[in-house]
């Protein structure tokens, strides 16, 4: 574990409340093997059973449960949060660390979802994960948590038995790991579950599209299915403080400081439910898709030709990194060449000619600049300008045909970029 980068983060970016909590935990002299962060907002008492199951299977686990809401959230969330906090405290023996933080043998309970300890306006799951992960990092650096990984999931997740063991002994070349996932029907109606399945298919379609394009950012950005290596967490300066999408943005950074590992094991089972806890994501999307189905309309997603444009650009990056005299205007289609010029691509190439003398360095720097966010912006651009969204079923079939036609071969180099399975091999479109 690279102590220097962790110490730098702890001294300059650690949130004050996380530092104060760590000092209290350090005085407790407790020790654990693994640490898991769970944001919790508007959850029922069923989470108590999930927590107990986790503890029964992992006696040396610390769960950091961050009950959260802000003053703009509906009052009902505040009431539910308060009831849940009381239920959790009555289920285990806790001692108070501060007015809103309590410790039992296996749970650190943080009450930031009601009363006088609400989050600031427009803060939510990103801040909750940040607080929990900052405390986890402090405990790892202080030697109170043995395994240098920070796991994070959600309150509705049922974790597989090998959830923690799958990362033991993993090389430090990996900055993060993502787990397979599947949504259960739960209490959803059949029509609602159909909408949820469509959204899950879209998530897989998007990653398959990135794999088809040979993107090094072809992974799922799902916060309930994520683990982060401690040193890498410090290097990217923690979770961004966003109401949603915090998983996408931190993974975008993590992929630049190490490899992202795709865990091939039994999936994490996520509850099927309609939720507005975040402004976008699975819950709101399921609601929107369900409304489309109700009105006899089809769920539309990105045309696969957007990924073909991305593929062409990333292939140009590989070719240009080997022969930097190539001109984008001659290698790219007119539409793509115009877009590349519009986003400052020519200036990037000119700069790299001066700063990077080796092909691997040029390719690495290009991928750092044109990252997951830039890839999403490209897909949005071509969706608006050239390839309107199409029905999900058609998109899946078109991408499958394109993958068979184009083939999956790639000259993917031995760089630190790429999504890897447990066999440590680069992933291409499956």
Protein backbone atom coordinates (compact mmCIF):
# COMPACT_ATOMS: atom_id res chain seq x y z
CA UNK A 1 0.00 0.00 0.00
CA UNK A 2 1.40 3.40 -1.02
CA UNK A 3 1.28 5.24 2.29
CA UNK A 4 2.53 8.54 0.86
CA UNK A 5 -0.52 9.26 -1.34
CA UNK A 6 -2.89 8.16 1.43
CA UNK A 7 -1.21 10.42 3.98
CA UNK A 8 -1.38 13.31 1.51
CA UNK A 9 -5.12 12.79 1.06
CA UNK A 10 -5.73 12.43 4.78
CA UNK A 11 -3.85 15.65 5.50
CA UNK A 12 -5.40 17.79 2.75
CA UNK A 13 -8.75 16.35 1.59
CA UNK A 14 -10.18 14.38 4.50
CA UNK A 15 -13.47 15.88 5.64
CA UNK A 16 -13.42 17.21 9.21
CA UNK A 17 -16.28 15.00 10.38
CA UNK A 18 -14.50 11.93 9.02
CA UNK A 19 -11.30 12.91 10.84
CA UNK A 20 -13.14 13.48 14.13
CA UNK A 21 -14.90 10.12 13.81
CA UNK A 22 -11.62 8.35 13.04
CA UNK A 23 -10.03 9.78 16.15
CA UNK A 24 -12.87 8.34 18.22
CA UNK A 25 -12.56 4.97 16.47
CA UNK A 26 -8.80 4.92 16.99
CA UNK A 27 -9.33 5.34 20.72
CA UNK A 28 -11.70 2.35 20.70
CA UNK A 29 -8.83 0.05 19.66
CA UNK A 30 -11.20 -2.09 17.59
CA UNK A 31 -9.84 -3.98 14.57
CA UNK A 32 -11.56 -5.44 11.53
CA UNK A 33 -10.59 -7.31 8.39
CA UNK A 34 -12.86 -5.59 5.84
CA UNK A 35 -14.87 -2.36 5.67
CA UNK A 36 -18.12 -1.79 3.77
CA UNK A 37 -19.85 1.58 3.20
CA UNK A 38 -23.65 1.65 2.79
CA UNK A 39 -25.55 4.92 2.16
CA UNK A 40 -29.09 4.66 3.44
CA UNK A 41 -32.03 6.95 2.72
CA UNK A 42 -35.71 6.23 3.26
CA UNK A 43 -35.14 2.52 3.91
CA UNK A 44 -37.45 0.24 5.85
CA UNK A 45 -36.49 -2.03 8.73
CA UNK A 46 -35.72 -4.94 6.36
CA UNK A 47 -32.18 -3.64 6.12
CA UNK A 48 -31.64 -4.91 9.67
CA UNK A 49 -31.94 -8.49 8.40
CA UNK A 50 -29.49 -7.82 5.58
CA UNK A 51 -27.01 -6.31 8.03
CA UNK A 52 -27.34 -9.26 10.40
CA UNK A 53 -26.80 -11.73 7.56
CA UNK A 54 -23.63 -9.89 6.54
CA UNK A 55 -22.32 -9.89 10.10
CA UNK A 56 -23.15 -13.57 10.61
CA UNK A 57 -21.06 -14.45 7.55
CA UNK A 58 -18.27 -11.93 8.22
CA UNK A 59 -17.55 -11.66 11.93
CA UNK A 60 -14.59 -9.30 11.40
CA UNK A 61 -16.42 -6.84 9.13
CA UNK A 62 -17.10 -3.16 9.84
CA UNK A 63 -20.20 -1.75 8.15
CA UNK A 64 -20.33 2.04 7.93
CA UNK A 65 -24.03 2.82 7.62
CA UNK A 66 -24.64 6.44 6.58
CA UNK A 67 -28.32 7.34 7.05
CA UNK A 68 -28.74 10.52 5.04
CA UNK A 69 -31.12 13.16 3.68
CA UNK A 70 -31.04 16.91 3.16
CA UNK A 71 -33.43 19.69 4.08
CA UNK A 72 -34.94 19.71 0.58
CA UNK A 73 -35.98 16.07 0.80
CA UNK A 74 -39.55 15.23 1.66
CA UNK A 75 -40.25 15.15 5.39
CA UNK A 76 -41.35 11.54 5.03
CA UNK A 77 -37.74 10.57 4.31
CA UNK A 78 -36.67 12.25 7.56
CA UNK A 79 -39.28 10.32 9.54
CA UNK A 80 -38.37 6.98 7.94
CA UNK A 81 -34.69 7.64 8.56
CA UNK A 82 -35.29 8.39 12.23
CA UNK A 83 -37.36 5.22 12.70
CA UNK A 84 -34.65 3.16 11.00
CA UNK A 85 -31.91 4.63 13.19
CA UNK A 86 -33.91 3.71 16.29
CA UNK A 87 -34.45 0.18 14.97
CA UNK A 88 -30.77 -0.32 14.21
CA UNK A 89 -29.72 0.97 17.63
CA UNK A 90 -32.20 -1.34 19.34
CA UNK A 91 -30.88 -4.34 17.38
CA UNK A 92 -27.23 -4.08 18.43
CA UNK A 93 -25.32 -2.71 21.39
CA UNK A 94 -24.02 0.74 20.46
CA UNK A 95 -22.02 3.33 22.31
CA UNK A 96 -22.09 6.99 21.34
CA UNK A 97 -19.01 8.48 19.67
CA UNK A 98 -20.62 11.87 18.97
CA UNK A 99 -24.17 13.21 18.87
CA UNK A 100 -24.83 11.51 15.54
CA UNK A 101 -22.30 8.65 15.38
CA UNK A 102 -22.55 5.35 17.21
CA UNK A 103 -20.34 2.25 17.24
CA UNK A 104 -21.16 -1.39 17.85
CA UNK A 105 -18.82 -4.32 17.27
CA UNK A 106 -19.61 -4.45 13.54
CA UNK A 107 -21.52 -1.27 12.68
CA UNK A 108 -20.60 2.40 12.65
CA UNK A 109 -23.94 4.20 12.48
CA UNK A 110 -23.88 7.77 11.15
CA UNK A 111 -27.13 9.72 11.51
CA UNK A 112 -27.23 12.47 8.88
CA UNK A 113 -30.79 12.00 7.70
CA UNK A 114 -33.04 13.76 10.23
CA UNK A 115 -33.10 16.33 13.00
CA UNK A 116 -30.18 18.75 13.29
CA UNK A 117 -27.69 16.70 11.27
CA UNK A 118 -29.11 16.83 7.75
CA UNK A 119 -26.85 17.13 4.72
CA UNK A 120 -26.55 20.54 3.05
CA UNK A 121 -29.04 21.31 0.29
CA UNK A 122 -28.49 19.39 -2.96
CA UNK A 123 -26.21 16.86 -1.25
CA UNK A 124 -26.98 13.17 -1.15
CA UNK A 125 -25.49 9.80 -1.99
CA UNK A 126 -22.15 11.23 -3.17
CA UNK A 127 -21.55 12.90 0.20
CA UNK A 128 -22.75 9.79 2.04
CA UNK A 129 -20.27 7.57 0.20
CA UNK A 130 -17.55 10.20 0.68
CA UNK A 131 -18.00 10.37 4.45
CA UNK A 132 -18.08 6.60 4.80
CA UNK A 133 -15.15 5.98 2.46
CA UNK A 134 -13.03 8.71 4.08
CA UNK A 135 -13.50 7.05 7.46
CA UNK A 136 -12.72 3.67 5.90
CA UNK A 137 -9.51 5.04 4.37
CA UNK A 138 -8.46 6.46 7.73
CA UNK A 139 -9.01 3.09 9.41
CA UNK A 140 -7.02 1.30 6.71
CA UNK A 141 -4.14 3.77 7.02
CA UNK A 142 -4.27 3.46 10.82
CA UNK A 143 -4.07 -0.32 10.69
CA UNK A 144 -7.51 -0.92 12.19
CA UNK A 145 -8.82 -2.41 8.92
CA UNK A 146 -6.52 -5.06 7.50
CA UNK A 147 -7.57 -5.43 3.84
CA UNK A 148 -6.74 -2.21 1.87
CA UNK A 149 -9.98 -2.09 -0.10
CA UNK A 150 -13.08 0.06 0.42
CA UNK A 151 -16.26 -1.77 -0.54
CA UNK A 152 -19.43 0.23 -1.16
CA UNK A 153 -22.95 -0.96 -1.90
CA UNK A 154 -26.58 0.06 -1.31
CA UNK A 155 -29.16 -0.84 1.29
CA UNK A 156 -31.20 -2.98 -1.12
CA UNK A 157 -28.27 -5.21 -2.19
CA UNK A 158 -27.90 -8.91 -1.36
CA UNK A 159 -24.20 -9.70 -1.62
CA UNK A 160 -22.76 -13.07 -2.79
CA UNK A 161 -20.87 -15.27 -0.34
CA UNK A 162 -17.48 -14.61 -2.02
CA UNK A 163 -18.02 -10.84 -2.12
CA UNK A 164 -15.02 -9.97 0.05
CA UNK A 165 -12.84 -13.02 -0.66
CA UNK A 166 -12.79 -12.28 -4.40
CA UNK A 167 -10.41 -9.34 -3.85
CA UNK A 168 -8.02 -10.83 -1.31
CA UNK A 169 -4.40 -10.80 -2.47
CA UNK A 170 -5.20 -8.70 -5.54
CA UNK A 171 -2.29 -6.83 -7.12
CA UNK A 172 -1.99 -3.08 -6.57
CA UNK A 173 -2.13 -2.52 -10.33
CA UNK A 174 -5.91 -2.63 -9.89
CA UNK A 175 -7.53 0.60 -8.74
CA UNK A 176 -11.12 -0.64 -8.58
CA UNK A 177 -13.35 -3.65 -9.05
CA UNK A 178 -16.91 -3.97 -10.28
CA UNK A 179 -19.26 -6.85 -9.53
CA UNK A 180 -21.90 -8.46 -11.71
CA UNK A 181 -25.46 -7.53 -10.78
CA UNK A 182 -29.03 -8.55 -11.41
CA UNK A 183 -32.32 -6.99 -10.35
CA UNK A 184 -34.94 -9.05 -8.55
CA UNK A 185 -38.65 -8.42 -9.02
CA UNK A 186 -39.23 -7.67 -5.37
CA UNK A 187 -42.57 -5.95 -4.84
CA UNK A 188 -42.83 -4.60 -8.38
CA UNK A 189 -45.80 -5.28 -10.58
CA UNK A 190 -45.10 -7.31 -13.71
CA UNK A 191 -45.30 -4.17 -15.90
CA UNK A 192 -42.88 -2.33 -13.60
CA UNK A 193 -40.46 -5.25 -13.57
CA UNK A 194 -40.54 -5.30 -17.37
CA UNK A 195 -39.48 -1.64 -17.31
CA UNK A 196 -36.70 -2.44 -14.85
CA UNK A 197 -35.46 -5.29 -17.05
CA UNK A 198 -35.37 -2.91 -20.01
CA UNK A 199 -33.24 -0.46 -18.06
CA UNK A 200 -30.89 -3.23 -16.95
CA UNK A 201 -30.60 -4.34 -20.60
CA UNK A 202 -29.74 -0.77 -21.55
CA UNK A 203 -26.95 -0.70 -18.95
CA UNK A 204 -25.49 -3.88 -20.46
CA UNK A 205 -26.01 -2.53 -23.99
CA UNK A 206 -24.07 0.62 -23.21
CA UNK A 207 -21.09 -1.31 -21.83
CA UNK A 208 -21.20 -3.71 -24.80
CA UNK A 209 -21.17 -0.68 -27.07
CA UNK A 210 -18.05 0.63 -25.34
CA UNK A 211 -16.43 -2.81 -25.65
CA UNK A 212 -17.31 -2.84 -29.34
CA UNK A 213 -15.63 0.55 -29.65
CA UNK A 214 -12.56 -0.88 -27.83
CA UNK A 215 -12.86 1.70 -25.09
CA UNK A 216 -10.73 1.23 -21.96
CA UNK A 217 -13.71 2.59 -20.00
CA UNK A 218 -16.04 -0.34 -20.78
CA UNK A 219 -17.30 -1.12 -17.29
CA UNK A 220 -20.54 -0.74 -15.36
CA UNK A 221 -20.76 2.40 -13.22
CA UNK A 222 -23.04 1.09 -10.49
CA UNK A 223 -22.28 2.36 -6.99
CA UNK A 224 -23.84 -0.68 -5.30
CA UNK A 225 -21.38 -2.96 -7.11
CA UNK A 226 -18.08 -1.17 -6.56
CA UNK A 227 -14.90 -1.68 -4.54
CA UNK A 228 -11.94 0.73 -4.52
CA UNK A 229 -8.31 0.09 -3.62
CA UNK A 230 -7.33 2.42 -0.77
CA UNK A 231 -4.31 4.03 -2.42
CA UNK A 232 -6.28 4.66 -5.63
CA UNK A 233 -9.11 6.24 -3.64
CA UNK A 234 -6.62 8.70 -2.17
CA UNK A 235 -5.08 9.44 -5.57
CA UNK A 236 -8.42 10.46 -7.09
CA UNK A 237 -9.31 12.52 -3.98
CA UNK A 238 -12.39 10.60 -2.94
CA UNK A 239 -16.00 10.44 -4.07
CA UNK A 240 -17.39 13.56 -5.75
CA UNK A 241 -20.15 15.29 -3.80
CA UNK A 242 -22.99 14.66 -6.25
CA UNK A 243 -26.64 13.76 -5.73
CA UNK A 244 -26.25 11.03 -8.36
CA UNK A 245 -23.61 9.80 -10.80
CA UNK A 246 -20.88 9.78 -8.15
CA UNK A 247 -20.03 6.21 -9.18
CA UNK A 248 -19.53 7.21 -12.84
CA UNK A 249 -17.23 10.12 -12.03
CA UNK A 250 -15.03 8.32 -9.51
CA UNK A 251 -14.61 5.30 -11.80
CA UNK A 252 -13.68 7.66 -14.63
CA UNK A 253 -10.79 8.86 -12.45
CA UNK A 254 -9.90 5.44 -11.05
CA UNK A 255 -9.47 4.00 -14.55
CA UNK A 256 -6.67 6.52 -15.10
CA UNK A 257 -4.61 5.46 -12.08
CA UNK A 258 -4.95 1.68 -12.44
CA UNK A 259 -6.86 -1.17 -14.03
CA UNK A 260 -10.55 -1.79 -13.35
CA UNK A 261 -11.25 -5.43 -12.54
CA UNK A 262 -14.51 -7.06 -13.54
CA UNK A 263 -15.35 -9.67 -10.90
CA UNK A 264 -16.78 -12.80 -12.48
CA UNK A 265 -18.74 -14.40 -9.67
CA UNK A 266 -22.33 -14.76 -8.57
CA UNK A 267 -24.07 -11.40 -9.07
CA UNK A 268 -25.12 -8.91 -6.46
CA UNK A 269 -28.91 -9.08 -6.31
CA UNK A 270 -30.54 -5.64 -6.26
CA UNK A 271 -34.14 -5.18 -5.17
CA UNK A 272 -36.66 -4.19 -7.76
CA UNK A 273 -38.36 -1.02 -6.55
CA UNK A 274 -39.57 2.34 -7.76
CA UNK A 275 -37.48 5.01 -6.10
CA UNK A 276 -36.88 8.73 -6.40
CA UNK A 277 -34.03 8.82 -3.87
CA UNK A 278 -31.73 10.21 -6.58
CA UNK A 279 -32.59 12.58 -9.47
CA UNK A 280 -31.53 10.02 -12.09
CA UNK A 281 -30.45 6.39 -12.24
CA UNK A 282 -32.23 3.08 -11.90
CA UNK A 283 -35.27 4.22 -9.91
CA UNK A 284 -36.27 7.30 -11.92
CA UNK A 285 -35.45 5.54 -15.21
CA UNK A 286 -37.66 2.58 -14.31
CA UNK A 287 -40.53 4.95 -13.55
CA UNK A 288 -40.06 6.76 -16.89
CA UNK A 289 -39.85 3.51 -18.88
CA UNK A 290 -42.93 2.16 -17.13
CA UNK A 291 -44.85 5.28 -18.21
CA UNK A 292 -43.73 4.75 -21.81
CA UNK A 293 -44.96 1.16 -21.76
CA UNK A 294 -48.26 2.25 -20.22
CA UNK A 295 -48.84 4.61 -23.16
CA UNK A 296 -47.86 1.98 -25.72
CA UNK A 297 -44.51 3.64 -26.52
CA UNK A 298 -41.15 1.92 -26.92
CA UNK A 299 -38.08 2.62 -24.81
CA UNK A 300 -35.50 4.30 -27.05
CA UNK A 301 -31.71 4.07 -26.60
CA UNK A 302 -28.57 5.13 -28.45
CA UNK A 303 -28.19 3.94 -32.03
CA UNK A 304 -25.27 1.50 -32.35
CA UNK A 305 -23.75 3.75 -35.04
CA UNK A 306 -22.77 6.17 -32.27
CA UNK A 307 -20.46 3.46 -30.94
CA UNK A 308 -19.10 2.92 -34.45
CA UNK A 309 -18.07 6.58 -34.51
CA UNK A 310 -16.38 6.13 -31.13
CA UNK A 311 -14.66 2.98 -32.40
CA UNK A 312 -13.31 4.85 -35.41
CA UNK A 313 -11.91 7.61 -33.21
CA UNK A 314 -10.26 5.21 -30.75
CA UNK A 315 -8.73 3.26 -33.64
CA UNK A 316 -7.31 6.54 -34.91
CA UNK A 317 -5.77 7.10 -31.47
CA UNK A 318 -3.96 3.75 -31.72
CA UNK A 319 -2.76 4.46 -35.24
CA UNK A 320 -1.71 8.02 -34.47
CA UNK A 321 0.17 7.00 -31.35
CA UNK A 322 2.33 4.74 -33.56
CA UNK A 323 2.66 7.28 -36.39
CA UNK A 324 1.99 10.82 -35.08
CA UNK A 325 2.23 12.33 -38.57
CA UNK A 326 -1.21 11.01 -39.41
CA UNK A 327 -3.80 13.74 -40.01
CA UNK A 328 -7.22 13.42 -38.40
CA UNK A 329 -8.96 14.90 -41.44
CA UNK A 330 -7.74 12.07 -43.67
CA UNK A 331 -8.23 9.26 -41.13
CA UNK A 332 -11.70 10.19 -39.81
CA UNK A 333 -15.06 10.61 -41.49
CA UNK A 334 -16.04 14.25 -42.16
CA UNK A 335 -18.61 14.22 -39.33
CA UNK A 336 -16.15 12.75 -36.83
CA UNK A 337 -13.31 14.96 -38.01
CA UNK A 338 -15.45 18.06 -37.43
CA UNK A 339 -16.41 16.86 -33.97
CA UNK A 340 -12.81 16.04 -33.07
CA UNK A 341 -11.70 19.50 -34.13
CA UNK A 342 -14.59 21.12 -32.23
CA UNK A 343 -13.57 19.54 -28.90
CA UNK A 344 -9.94 20.58 -29.24
CA UNK A 345 -8.56 17.31 -30.54
CA UNK A 346 -6.06 18.88 -32.94
CA UNK A 347 -4.57 20.91 -30.11
CA UNK A 348 -4.24 17.74 -28.04
CA UNK A 349 -2.36 16.00 -30.85
CA UNK A 350 -0.06 18.97 -31.34
CA UNK A 351 0.71 19.06 -27.63
CA UNK A 352 1.42 15.33 -27.47
CA UNK A 353 3.84 15.55 -30.39
CA UNK A 354 5.89 17.86 -28.22
CA UNK A 355 5.47 16.16 -24.83
CA UNK A 356 5.33 12.41 -25.52
CA UNK A 357 8.14 10.64 -27.37
CA UNK A 358 6.91 7.03 -27.04
CA UNK A 359 3.81 5.50 -28.63
CA UNK A 360 2.59 3.98 -25.35
CA UNK A 361 2.85 7.33 -23.61
CA UNK A 362 0.97 9.07 -26.42
CA UNK A 363 -1.83 6.50 -26.32
CA UNK A 364 -2.08 6.66 -22.53
CA UNK A 365 -2.34 10.44 -22.57
CA UNK A 366 -4.97 10.37 -25.32
CA UNK A 367 -7.10 8.00 -23.27
CA UNK A 368 -6.66 10.15 -20.17
CA UNK A 369 -7.93 13.14 -22.12
CA UNK A 370 -10.68 11.36 -24.05
CA UNK A 371 -12.14 9.51 -21.09
CA UNK A 372 -15.50 7.98 -20.13
CA UNK A 373 -17.13 11.41 -19.87
CA UNK A 374 -15.81 12.51 -23.28
CA UNK A 375 -17.03 9.20 -24.73
CA UNK A 376 -20.52 9.81 -23.35
CA UNK A 377 -20.51 13.35 -24.75
CA UNK A 378 -19.56 12.01 -28.20
CA UNK A 379 -22.43 9.53 -28.08
CA UNK A 380 -24.83 12.28 -27.03
CA UNK A 381 -23.57 14.51 -29.85
CA UNK A 382 -24.10 11.94 -32.59
CA UNK A 383 -27.47 11.00 -31.10
CA UNK A 384 -28.68 14.59 -31.42
CA UNK A 385 -27.01 15.43 -34.72
CA UNK A 386 -27.00 12.26 -36.82
CA UNK A 387 -28.36 9.04 -35.28
CA UNK A 388 -31.62 9.46 -33.31
CA UNK A 389 -32.43 6.97 -30.60
CA UNK A 390 -34.04 3.68 -31.62
CA UNK A 391 -36.02 0.95 -29.78
CA UNK A 392 -33.93 -1.10 -27.34
CA UNK A 393 -34.60 -4.42 -29.10
CA UNK A 394 -33.44 -3.02 -32.45
CA UNK A 395 -30.34 -1.48 -30.87
CA UNK A 396 -29.32 -4.78 -29.26
CA UNK A 397 -29.73 -6.66 -32.55
CA UNK A 398 -27.88 -4.01 -34.57
CA UNK A 399 -24.93 -3.97 -32.16
CA UNK A 400 -24.71 -7.76 -32.22
CA UNK A 401 -24.66 -7.75 -36.02
CA UNK A 402 -22.03 -5.01 -36.12
CA UNK A 403 -19.85 -6.90 -33.63
CA UNK A 404 -20.01 -10.07 -35.74
CA UNK A 405 -19.25 -8.14 -38.92
CA UNK A 406 -16.44 -6.01 -37.57
CA UNK A 407 -14.84 -8.75 -35.49
CA UNK A 408 -13.44 -8.32 -32.00
CA UNK A 409 -9.74 -8.25 -32.75
CA UNK A 410 -7.83 -5.39 -31.25
CA UNK A 411 -4.22 -4.35 -30.98
CA UNK A 412 -4.83 -3.43 -27.35
CA UNK A 413 -1.42 -2.66 -25.94
CA UNK A 414 0.12 -3.70 -22.66
CA UNK A 415 -0.81 -0.41 -21.05
CA UNK A 416 -2.34 0.04 -17.64
CA UNK A 417 -5.66 0.85 -19.28
CA UNK A 418 -8.46 -1.59 -19.81
CA UNK A 419 -11.14 -3.60 -18.08
CA UNK A 420 -9.95 -6.96 -16.80
CA UNK A 421 -11.68 -10.12 -15.62
CA UNK A 422 -10.51 -12.25 -12.73
CA UNK A 423 -8.30 -14.07 -15.23
CA UNK A 424 -6.49 -10.73 -15.64
CA UNK A 425 -7.13 -10.61 -19.39
CA UNK A 426 -8.30 -7.46 -21.23
CA UNK A 427 -11.97 -7.41 -22.08
CA UNK A 428 -13.24 -6.93 -25.61
CA UNK A 429 -16.78 -7.10 -26.84
CA UNK A 430 -18.39 -10.40 -25.88
